[in-house]
């Protein structure tokens, strides 16, 4: 998936870049720090399966936004956890990964395997970066159960779980999931909405997911396709 980075035209006809706000004054924007760069560098090779690299980065952005609404949460737990949460899929045979998450699947064993292996990989990566032992323990506990555990351990766990799920109803998430199951955009929105709404732990996450779903529901209509 390639996101548009440059304009096709300047319809105004003049340069307005001097009026852009200072990005350092904007709140809620994800900012990779040195530790996050180190984690990402080591985690990325484990995230090539089923576009987990793309999923992880967008989920990181969602988690960073949710942290703005929950000052009691610890970004030193949440953000490393979201960067590492799906590394364990690399330990599941690639031809079985989608069977583990497909509608009607009975392969819970594969979901549990990716959680356990992800916890192991996370511990190894975080230990190599000299992360505090207490933080490592909490991050590992969150990863080991982030999909299968129906309850939340903490606000940190809630944000990780919600960011992971909310990605499904974002435009990049819909783009990826369409190709997982061979569904059109409207069918994919229907599937993802059912798997997200009613399954989130934070009010901010529920509102964010509803906004994304509203946009995507319109994007799938003939009226929007005519003018887009």
Protein backbone atom coordinates (compact mmCIF):
# COMPACT_ATOMS: atom_id res chain seq x y z
CA UNK A 1 0.00 0.00 0.00
CA UNK A 2 1.40 3.38 -1.00
CA UNK A 3 0.08 6.53 0.66
CA UNK A 4 -0.02 9.77 -1.31
CA UNK A 5 2.94 11.96 -0.28
CA UNK A 6 3.00 14.71 -2.91
CA UNK A 7 0.19 16.86 -4.38
CA UNK A 8 -1.00 16.39 -7.96
CA UNK A 9 -1.45 20.16 -8.28
CA UNK A 10 -1.45 23.52 -6.44
CA UNK A 11 -4.93 24.79 -7.23
CA UNK A 12 -4.46 27.92 -5.10
CA UNK A 13 -1.44 28.84 -7.17
CA UNK A 14 0.84 30.19 -4.43
CA UNK A 15 3.08 28.89 -1.66
CA UNK A 16 1.54 28.80 1.84
CA UNK A 17 4.23 26.78 3.61
CA UNK A 18 5.40 29.75 5.70
CA UNK A 19 2.03 29.68 7.44
CA UNK A 20 2.26 26.06 8.55
CA UNK A 21 2.19 25.59 12.35
CA UNK A 22 5.27 24.42 14.22
CA UNK A 23 4.83 20.62 14.45
CA UNK A 24 6.34 20.59 17.94
CA UNK A 25 3.30 22.55 19.20
CA UNK A 26 0.81 19.92 18.03
CA UNK A 27 -0.41 17.40 20.61
CA UNK A 28 -1.36 13.78 20.12
CA UNK A 29 1.07 13.15 17.28
CA UNK A 30 3.20 9.99 17.52
CA UNK A 31 6.90 10.68 17.99
CA UNK A 32 9.43 7.86 17.75
CA UNK A 33 12.07 8.38 20.42
CA UNK A 34 15.48 6.71 20.45
CA UNK A 35 14.19 3.63 22.28
CA UNK A 36 11.27 3.21 19.87
CA UNK A 37 13.65 3.40 16.91
CA UNK A 38 15.76 0.69 18.54
CA UNK A 39 12.73 -1.51 19.17
CA UNK A 40 11.40 -1.00 15.64
CA UNK A 41 14.75 -1.87 14.08
CA UNK A 42 14.80 -5.22 15.85
CA UNK A 43 11.06 -5.92 15.59
CA UNK A 44 10.65 -5.16 11.89
CA UNK A 45 12.10 -8.47 10.59
CA UNK A 46 9.44 -10.30 12.64
CA UNK A 47 6.61 -8.20 11.20
CA UNK A 48 6.69 -9.08 7.51
CA UNK A 49 3.84 -11.58 7.72
CA UNK A 50 0.37 -10.40 6.52
CA UNK A 51 1.45 -6.72 6.52
CA UNK A 52 2.07 -6.65 10.25
CA UNK A 53 4.70 -3.97 9.68
CA UNK A 54 2.08 -1.55 8.34
CA UNK A 55 -0.45 -2.63 10.97
CA UNK A 56 2.05 -2.06 13.77
CA UNK A 57 2.99 1.46 12.73
CA UNK A 58 -0.60 2.63 12.33
CA UNK A 59 -1.56 0.97 15.63
CA UNK A 60 1.36 2.83 17.24
CA UNK A 61 -0.15 6.10 16.01
CA UNK A 62 -3.57 5.15 17.37
CA UNK A 63 -2.06 4.23 20.74
CA UNK A 64 -0.19 7.54 20.90
CA UNK A 65 -3.44 9.39 20.28
CA UNK A 66 -5.30 7.39 22.95
CA UNK A 67 -2.57 8.17 25.48
CA UNK A 68 -3.55 11.83 25.24
CA UNK A 69 -6.94 10.95 26.78
CA UNK A 70 -5.51 8.80 29.58
CA UNK A 71 -2.69 10.59 31.42
CA UNK A 72 -2.69 7.82 34.03
CA UNK A 73 -1.44 5.37 31.38
CA UNK A 74 2.28 4.78 30.93
CA UNK A 75 3.63 5.43 27.42
CA UNK A 76 6.82 3.59 28.41
CA UNK A 77 4.67 0.45 28.56
CA UNK A 78 2.03 1.11 25.91
CA UNK A 79 4.20 2.19 22.98
CA UNK A 80 6.87 -0.54 23.21
CA UNK A 81 4.08 -3.10 23.68
CA UNK A 82 2.26 -2.00 20.55
CA UNK A 83 5.49 -2.07 18.53
CA UNK A 84 6.14 -5.66 19.62
CA UNK A 85 2.68 -7.17 20.05
CA UNK A 86 2.47 -9.09 16.77
CA UNK A 87 6.09 -10.22 16.36
CA UNK A 88 5.01 -13.75 17.29
CA UNK A 89 3.14 -14.29 14.02
CA UNK A 90 6.59 -14.81 12.51
CA UNK A 91 6.67 -18.15 14.36
CA UNK A 92 3.43 -19.39 12.76
CA UNK A 93 3.68 -20.95 9.26
CA UNK A 94 2.73 -18.23 6.81
CA UNK A 95 0.11 -20.38 5.10
CA UNK A 96 -1.65 -20.81 8.44
CA UNK A 97 -1.66 -17.24 9.71
CA UNK A 98 -4.89 -16.16 8.03
CA UNK A 99 -6.58 -19.42 9.03
CA UNK A 100 -5.98 -18.38 12.63
CA UNK A 101 -7.95 -15.14 12.27
CA UNK A 102 -10.47 -15.93 9.53
CA UNK A 103 -14.20 -15.76 10.33
CA UNK A 104 -15.33 -19.12 11.67
CA UNK A 105 -11.77 -20.26 12.40
CA UNK A 106 -11.16 -22.85 15.08
CA UNK A 107 -7.37 -22.37 15.23
CA UNK A 108 -7.19 -20.72 18.65
CA UNK A 109 -3.96 -22.66 19.17
CA UNK A 110 -2.26 -20.48 16.56
CA UNK A 111 -3.47 -17.28 18.21
CA UNK A 112 -2.07 -18.47 21.55
CA UNK A 113 1.19 -19.49 19.90
CA UNK A 114 1.73 -16.04 18.38
CA UNK A 115 1.07 -14.44 21.77
CA UNK A 116 3.53 -16.68 23.60
CA UNK A 117 6.21 -16.30 20.96
CA UNK A 118 5.62 -12.55 20.77
CA UNK A 119 6.12 -12.30 24.52
CA UNK A 120 9.38 -14.21 24.19
CA UNK A 121 10.64 -12.05 21.32
CA UNK A 122 9.63 -8.88 23.15
CA UNK A 123 11.55 -9.95 26.26
CA UNK A 124 14.66 -10.63 24.18
CA UNK A 125 14.50 -7.31 22.31
CA UNK A 126 13.73 -5.18 25.36
CA UNK A 127 16.42 -6.86 27.42
CA UNK A 128 18.97 -6.17 24.69
CA UNK A 129 18.04 -2.48 24.90
CA UNK A 130 18.46 -2.37 28.70
CA UNK A 131 14.82 -1.54 29.38
CA UNK A 132 13.93 -1.58 33.09
CA UNK A 133 12.98 -5.08 34.26
CA UNK A 134 9.64 -3.97 35.72
CA UNK A 135 8.61 -2.38 32.44
CA UNK A 136 9.64 -5.49 30.51
CA UNK A 137 7.51 -7.69 32.76
CA UNK A 138 4.40 -5.56 32.22
CA UNK A 139 4.94 -5.31 28.46
CA UNK A 140 5.44 -9.06 28.17
CA UNK A 141 2.29 -9.74 30.22
CA UNK A 142 0.26 -7.47 27.93
CA UNK A 143 1.55 -9.12 24.75
CA UNK A 144 0.92 -12.62 26.11
CA UNK A 145 -2.87 -12.41 25.87
CA UNK A 146 -3.46 -9.28 23.83
CA UNK A 147 -5.83 -11.15 21.47
CA UNK A 148 -7.09 -14.12 23.50
CA UNK A 149 -7.62 -12.48 26.90
CA UNK A 150 -11.13 -11.02 27.08
CA UNK A 151 -10.50 -8.85 30.13
CA UNK A 152 -8.03 -6.00 30.51
CA UNK A 153 -5.18 -6.07 33.01
CA UNK A 154 -4.81 -2.29 33.25
CA UNK A 155 -5.32 0.98 31.39
CA UNK A 156 -2.03 0.25 29.61
CA UNK A 157 -3.39 -3.10 28.45
CA UNK A 158 -6.69 -1.47 27.43
CA UNK A 159 -4.95 1.03 25.17
CA UNK A 160 -2.82 -1.65 23.52
CA UNK A 161 -5.85 -3.87 22.94
CA UNK A 162 -7.92 -0.98 21.58
CA UNK A 163 -5.21 0.38 19.29
CA UNK A 164 -4.69 -3.11 17.87
CA UNK A 165 -8.41 -3.51 17.08
CA UNK A 166 -9.16 0.06 15.94
CA UNK A 167 -6.64 -0.30 13.09
CA UNK A 168 -9.10 -2.68 11.45
CA UNK A 169 -11.57 0.12 10.68
CA UNK A 170 -8.99 2.64 9.46
CA UNK A 171 -8.51 3.16 5.70
CA UNK A 172 -5.10 1.40 5.74
CA UNK A 173 -6.60 -1.46 7.74
CA UNK A 174 -9.53 -1.90 5.37
CA UNK A 175 -7.12 -1.88 2.41
CA UNK A 176 -5.10 -4.74 3.91
CA UNK A 177 -8.00 -6.85 5.18
CA UNK A 178 -9.82 -6.72 1.83
CA UNK A 179 -6.97 -8.76 0.35
CA UNK A 180 -6.79 -11.16 3.29
CA UNK A 181 -10.25 -12.54 2.63
CA UNK A 182 -11.11 -11.43 -0.93
CA UNK A 183 -13.89 -9.11 0.21
CA UNK A 184 -14.95 -5.84 -1.39
CA UNK A 185 -14.65 -2.64 0.63
CA UNK A 186 -18.24 -2.63 1.88
CA UNK A 187 -18.05 -6.27 2.97
CA UNK A 188 -14.76 -5.61 4.74
CA UNK A 189 -16.18 -2.64 6.63
CA UNK A 190 -19.10 -4.83 7.70
CA UNK A 191 -16.76 -7.58 8.97
CA UNK A 192 -14.34 -5.24 10.73
CA UNK A 193 -17.01 -3.12 12.37
CA UNK A 194 -18.52 -6.25 13.91
CA UNK A 195 -15.12 -7.25 15.27
CA UNK A 196 -14.35 -3.82 16.75
CA UNK A 197 -17.50 -2.14 18.07
CA UNK A 198 -18.55 -3.56 21.40
CA UNK A 199 -15.11 -5.06 21.96
CA UNK A 200 -13.15 -1.99 23.06
CA UNK A 201 -12.16 -0.99 26.59
CA UNK A 202 -11.80 2.81 26.40
CA UNK A 203 -14.38 5.48 25.67
CA UNK A 204 -11.89 7.43 23.58
CA UNK A 205 -11.15 4.31 21.57
CA UNK A 206 -14.84 3.63 20.98
CA UNK A 207 -15.35 7.19 19.71
CA UNK A 208 -12.30 6.97 17.47
CA UNK A 209 -13.43 3.65 16.01
CA UNK A 210 -16.90 5.00 15.33
CA UNK A 211 -15.44 7.98 13.47
CA UNK A 212 -13.25 5.75 11.30
CA UNK A 213 -16.17 3.41 10.60
CA UNK A 214 -18.44 6.30 9.63
CA UNK A 215 -15.86 7.51 7.11
CA UNK A 216 -15.30 4.02 5.72
CA UNK A 217 -19.03 3.30 5.52
CA UNK A 218 -19.43 6.36 3.31
CA UNK A 219 -16.36 5.49 1.26
CA UNK A 220 -18.03 2.25 0.26
CA UNK A 221 -21.16 3.98 -1.11
CA UNK A 222 -21.77 4.73 -4.81
CA UNK A 223 -22.35 8.43 -4.04
CA UNK A 224 -18.85 8.89 -2.62
CA UNK A 225 -17.25 6.82 -5.36
CA UNK A 226 -18.83 9.13 -7.94
CA UNK A 227 -17.16 12.25 -6.52
CA UNK A 228 -13.91 10.88 -5.10
